[in-house]
Amino acid sequence: MKTIFVMVKCDLGKAYDVADAAVAEIEQVSEVYSTSGQYDLLMKCYLPDSTDIGHFVTERLQNLAGVKDTFTIIAFKAFSPDTKAV
């Protein structure tokens, strides 16, 4: 399983519509946060190892109505109180 975070810039007034559509229509989208700054939303996505990240972002996320721009971050390892550093 791969984890990616996608920062999304939306058309003016469309951030909540994009967030609602992402969680309703795309099962790989785990969470969506509204944010301040250069981007409007931060999406956390879990992808099967076989999924091509570029195709997922360009075909699924960037095609949501109201999406203007994206910036993708690939996560390598998650750290939490439940996991120990190896």
N, C-alpha and C. Protein backbone atom coordinates (compact mmCIF):
# COMPACT_ATOMS: atom_id res chain seq x y z
N MET A 1 0.85 -1.18 0.00
CA MET A 1 0.00 0.00 0.00
C MET A 1 0.90 1.24 0.00
N LYS A 2 0.57 2.20 -0.86
CA LYS A 2 1.29 3.47 -0.95
C LYS A 2 0.41 4.57 -0.38
N THR A 3 1.03 5.51 0.31
CA THR A 3 0.31 6.68 0.82
C THR A 3 0.82 7.91 0.09
N ILE A 4 -0.11 8.71 -0.41
CA ILE A 4 0.25 9.99 -1.01
C ILE A 4 -0.61 11.08 -0.40
N PHE A 5 -0.07 12.28 -0.39
CA PHE A 5 -0.81 13.47 0.01
C PHE A 5 -0.86 14.37 -1.21
N VAL A 6 -2.03 14.87 -1.53
CA VAL A 6 -2.19 15.74 -2.68
C VAL A 6 -2.76 17.07 -2.21
N MET A 7 -1.98 18.12 -2.46
CA MET A 7 -2.44 19.47 -2.16
C MET A 7 -3.20 19.95 -3.39
N VAL A 8 -4.38 20.52 -3.17
CA VAL A 8 -5.26 20.88 -4.28
C VAL A 8 -5.61 22.36 -4.22
N LYS A 9 -5.42 23.03 -5.36
CA LYS A 9 -5.87 24.41 -5.52
C LYS A 9 -7.18 24.34 -6.30
N CYS A 10 -8.20 25.01 -5.80
CA CYS A 10 -9.53 24.93 -6.39
C CYS A 10 -9.94 26.25 -7.04
N ASP A 11 -10.91 26.15 -7.93
CA ASP A 11 -11.53 27.36 -8.45
C ASP A 11 -12.17 28.10 -7.28
N LEU A 12 -12.25 29.41 -7.38
CA LEU A 12 -12.81 30.20 -6.29
C LEU A 12 -14.20 29.72 -5.91
N GLY A 13 -14.40 29.51 -4.62
CA GLY A 13 -15.69 29.10 -4.10
C GLY A 13 -16.02 27.63 -4.27
N LYS A 14 -15.09 26.81 -4.73
CA LYS A 14 -15.38 25.41 -5.04
C LYS A 14 -14.69 24.41 -4.10
N ALA A 15 -13.92 24.85 -3.12
CA ALA A 15 -13.15 23.94 -2.28
C ALA A 15 -14.04 22.91 -1.58
N TYR A 16 -15.14 23.33 -1.01
CA TYR A 16 -16.00 22.38 -0.29
C TYR A 16 -16.66 21.40 -1.25
N ASP A 17 -17.02 21.86 -2.45
CA ASP A 17 -17.60 20.96 -3.46
C ASP A 17 -16.57 19.90 -3.88
N VAL A 18 -15.33 20.32 -4.09
CA VAL A 18 -14.27 19.39 -4.47
C VAL A 18 -14.03 18.38 -3.36
N ALA A 19 -13.96 18.84 -2.12
CA ALA A 19 -13.74 17.95 -0.98
C ALA A 19 -14.87 16.93 -0.86
N ASP A 20 -16.10 17.38 -0.97
CA ASP A 20 -17.25 16.47 -0.89
C ASP A 20 -17.21 15.43 -2.00
N ALA A 21 -16.89 15.86 -3.22
CA ALA A 21 -16.84 14.94 -4.35
C ALA A 21 -15.71 13.93 -4.19
N ALA A 22 -14.57 14.37 -3.71
CA ALA A 22 -13.42 13.47 -3.55
C ALA A 22 -13.72 12.33 -2.59
N VAL A 23 -14.29 12.65 -1.43
CA VAL A 23 -14.57 11.59 -0.45
C VAL A 23 -15.75 10.71 -0.87
N ALA A 24 -16.67 11.26 -1.64
CA ALA A 24 -17.84 10.49 -2.07
C ALA A 24 -17.55 9.60 -3.28
N GLU A 25 -16.70 10.07 -4.18
CA GLU A 25 -16.52 9.39 -5.47
C GLU A 25 -15.25 8.57 -5.61
N ILE A 26 -14.24 8.85 -4.79
CA ILE A 26 -12.94 8.20 -4.99
C ILE A 26 -12.58 7.42 -3.73
N GLU A 27 -12.70 6.11 -3.79
CA GLU A 27 -12.51 5.27 -2.60
C GLU A 27 -11.09 5.34 -2.04
N GLN A 28 -10.11 5.68 -2.84
CA GLN A 28 -8.73 5.76 -2.36
C GLN A 28 -8.47 7.01 -1.52
N VAL A 29 -9.39 7.97 -1.56
CA VAL A 29 -9.25 9.18 -0.76
C VAL A 29 -9.71 8.86 0.65
N SER A 30 -8.77 8.93 1.59
CA SER A 30 -9.05 8.60 2.99
C SER A 30 -9.60 9.79 3.76
N GLU A 31 -8.95 10.93 3.59
CA GLU A 31 -9.32 12.15 4.34
C GLU A 31 -9.05 13.36 3.47
N VAL A 32 -9.83 14.41 3.68
CA VAL A 32 -9.61 15.68 3.01
C VAL A 32 -9.70 16.78 4.06
N TYR A 33 -8.69 17.64 4.09
CA TYR A 33 -8.65 18.75 5.03
C TYR A 33 -8.69 20.06 4.26
N SER A 34 -9.46 21.03 4.73
CA SER A 34 -9.37 22.37 4.18
C SER A 34 -8.17 23.04 4.84
N THR A 35 -7.42 23.80 4.07
CA THR A 35 -6.18 24.40 4.57
C THR A 35 -6.10 25.86 4.18
N SER A 36 -5.24 26.57 4.86
CA SER A 36 -4.97 27.96 4.49
C SER A 36 -3.66 27.98 3.70
N GLY A 37 -3.43 29.06 2.99
CA GLY A 37 -2.18 29.19 2.25
C GLY A 37 -2.38 29.04 0.76
N GLN A 38 -1.35 28.57 0.10
CA GLN A 38 -1.34 28.50 -1.36
C GLN A 38 -2.34 27.48 -1.92
N TYR A 39 -2.59 26.42 -1.17
CA TYR A 39 -3.53 25.39 -1.60
C TYR A 39 -4.75 25.38 -0.69
N ASP A 40 -5.87 24.94 -1.23
CA ASP A 40 -7.14 24.96 -0.51
C ASP A 40 -7.43 23.68 0.26
N LEU A 41 -6.96 22.55 -0.28
CA LEU A 41 -7.26 21.25 0.31
C LEU A 41 -6.01 20.39 0.40
N LEU A 42 -6.02 19.48 1.38
CA LEU A 42 -4.99 18.46 1.50
C LEU A 42 -5.70 17.12 1.53
N MET A 43 -5.41 16.27 0.55
CA MET A 43 -6.05 14.96 0.46
C MET A 43 -5.05 13.87 0.82
N LYS A 44 -5.48 12.95 1.67
CA LYS A 44 -4.67 11.79 2.01
C LYS A 44 -5.25 10.60 1.27
N CYS A 45 -4.41 9.91 0.48
CA CYS A 45 -4.88 8.81 -0.34
C CYS A 45 -4.04 7.57 -0.10
N TYR A 46 -4.70 6.42 -0.05
CA TYR A 46 -4.04 5.13 0.06
C TYR A 46 -4.23 4.41 -1.27
N LEU A 47 -3.12 4.04 -1.90
CA LEU A 47 -3.17 3.39 -3.20
C LEU A 47 -2.56 2.00 -3.13
N PRO A 48 -3.14 1.02 -3.83
CA PRO A 48 -2.49 -0.28 -3.92
C PRO A 48 -1.12 -0.12 -4.58
N ASP A 49 -0.19 -1.00 -4.25
CA ASP A 49 1.16 -0.91 -4.81
C ASP A 49 1.17 -0.92 -6.33
N SER A 50 0.19 -1.56 -6.93
CA SER A 50 0.15 -1.67 -8.38
C SER A 50 -0.38 -0.41 -9.07
N THR A 51 -0.90 0.54 -8.32
CA THR A 51 -1.48 1.76 -8.89
C THR A 51 -0.38 2.73 -9.34
N ASP A 52 -0.51 3.25 -10.54
CA ASP A 52 0.40 4.27 -11.04
C ASP A 52 -0.05 5.61 -10.46
N ILE A 53 0.81 6.23 -9.66
CA ILE A 53 0.45 7.48 -8.98
C ILE A 53 0.10 8.59 -9.98
N GLY A 54 0.89 8.71 -11.02
CA GLY A 54 0.65 9.76 -12.02
C GLY A 54 -0.71 9.62 -12.68
N HIS A 55 -1.06 8.40 -13.07
CA HIS A 55 -2.38 8.19 -13.68
C HIS A 55 -3.50 8.45 -12.68
N PHE A 56 -3.31 8.01 -11.43
CA PHE A 56 -4.35 8.25 -10.42
C PHE A 56 -4.60 9.74 -10.24
N VAL A 57 -3.53 10.51 -10.07
CA VAL A 57 -3.69 11.94 -9.82
C VAL A 57 -4.29 12.65 -11.04
N THR A 58 -3.75 12.36 -12.22
CA THR A 58 -4.22 13.09 -13.41
C THR A 58 -5.61 12.65 -13.88
N GLU A 59 -5.92 11.37 -13.73
CA GLU A 59 -7.19 10.88 -14.23
C GLU A 59 -8.33 10.95 -13.21
N ARG A 60 -8.02 10.82 -11.94
CA ARG A 60 -9.07 10.80 -10.91
C ARG A 60 -9.19 12.15 -10.19
N LEU A 61 -8.09 12.63 -9.62
CA LEU A 61 -8.17 13.85 -8.80
C LEU A 61 -8.25 15.12 -9.64
N GLN A 62 -7.38 15.25 -10.64
CA GLN A 62 -7.38 16.48 -11.43
C GLN A 62 -8.63 16.63 -12.28
N ASN A 63 -9.37 15.56 -12.50
CA ASN A 63 -10.59 15.63 -13.28
C ASN A 63 -11.84 15.94 -12.46
N LEU A 64 -11.69 16.08 -11.15
CA LEU A 64 -12.83 16.51 -10.33
C LEU A 64 -13.20 17.95 -10.71
N ALA A 65 -14.48 18.21 -10.84
CA ALA A 65 -14.93 19.57 -11.17
C ALA A 65 -14.47 20.54 -10.09
N GLY A 66 -13.85 21.65 -10.52
CA GLY A 66 -13.41 22.67 -9.58
C GLY A 66 -11.94 22.60 -9.21
N VAL A 67 -11.23 21.54 -9.64
CA VAL A 67 -9.80 21.44 -9.35
C VAL A 67 -9.03 22.28 -10.35
N LYS A 68 -8.15 23.13 -9.83
CA LYS A 68 -7.38 24.04 -10.67
C LYS A 68 -5.92 23.58 -10.81
N ASP A 69 -5.35 23.04 -9.71
CA ASP A 69 -3.93 22.65 -9.71
C ASP A 69 -3.71 21.67 -8.57
N THR A 70 -2.69 20.82 -8.70
CA THR A 70 -2.36 19.88 -7.63
C THR A 70 -0.84 19.84 -7.41
N PHE A 71 -0.47 19.39 -6.23
CA PHE A 71 0.93 19.17 -5.86
C PHE A 71 0.95 17.88 -5.05
N THR A 72 1.67 16.88 -5.54
CA THR A 72 1.64 15.54 -4.94
C THR A 72 2.89 15.27 -4.12
N ILE A 73 2.68 14.70 -2.93
CA ILE A 73 3.77 14.31 -2.03
C ILE A 73 3.64 12.81 -1.79
N ILE A 74 4.73 12.08 -2.04
CA ILE A 74 4.74 10.64 -1.81
C ILE A 74 5.32 10.38 -0.42
N ALA A 75 4.60 9.63 0.40
CA ALA A 75 5.05 9.33 1.76
C ALA A 75 5.81 8.00 1.75
N PHE A 76 6.89 7.94 2.54
CA PHE A 76 7.71 6.73 2.61
C PHE A 76 7.40 5.89 3.84
N LYS A 77 7.32 6.51 5.01
CA LYS A 77 7.09 5.77 6.26
C LYS A 77 6.24 6.62 7.18
N ALA A 78 5.32 5.96 7.86
CA ALA A 78 4.49 6.66 8.84
C ALA A 78 5.05 6.43 10.24
N PHE A 79 5.06 7.47 11.03
CA PHE A 79 5.51 7.39 12.41
C PHE A 79 4.34 7.72 13.32
N SER A 80 4.12 6.91 14.33
CA SER A 80 3.04 7.17 15.29
C SER A 80 3.43 6.51 16.61
N PRO A 81 2.71 6.83 17.68
CA PRO A 81 3.01 6.21 18.97
C PRO A 81 2.88 4.68 18.93
N ASP A 82 2.10 4.16 17.97
CA ASP A 82 1.88 2.72 17.87
C ASP A 82 2.98 1.98 17.13
N THR A 83 3.88 2.73 16.47
CA THR A 83 4.95 2.09 15.70
C THR A 83 6.29 2.43 16.33
N LYS A 84 7.23 1.51 16.22
CA LYS A 84 8.58 1.74 16.73
C LYS A 84 9.52 1.95 15.56
N ALA A 85 10.47 2.86 15.73
CA ALA A 85 11.47 3.09 14.69
C ALA A 85 12.34 1.84 14.54
N VAL A 86 12.56 1.47 13.29
CA VAL A 86 13.38 0.29 13.01
C VAL A 86 14.63 0.71 12.29
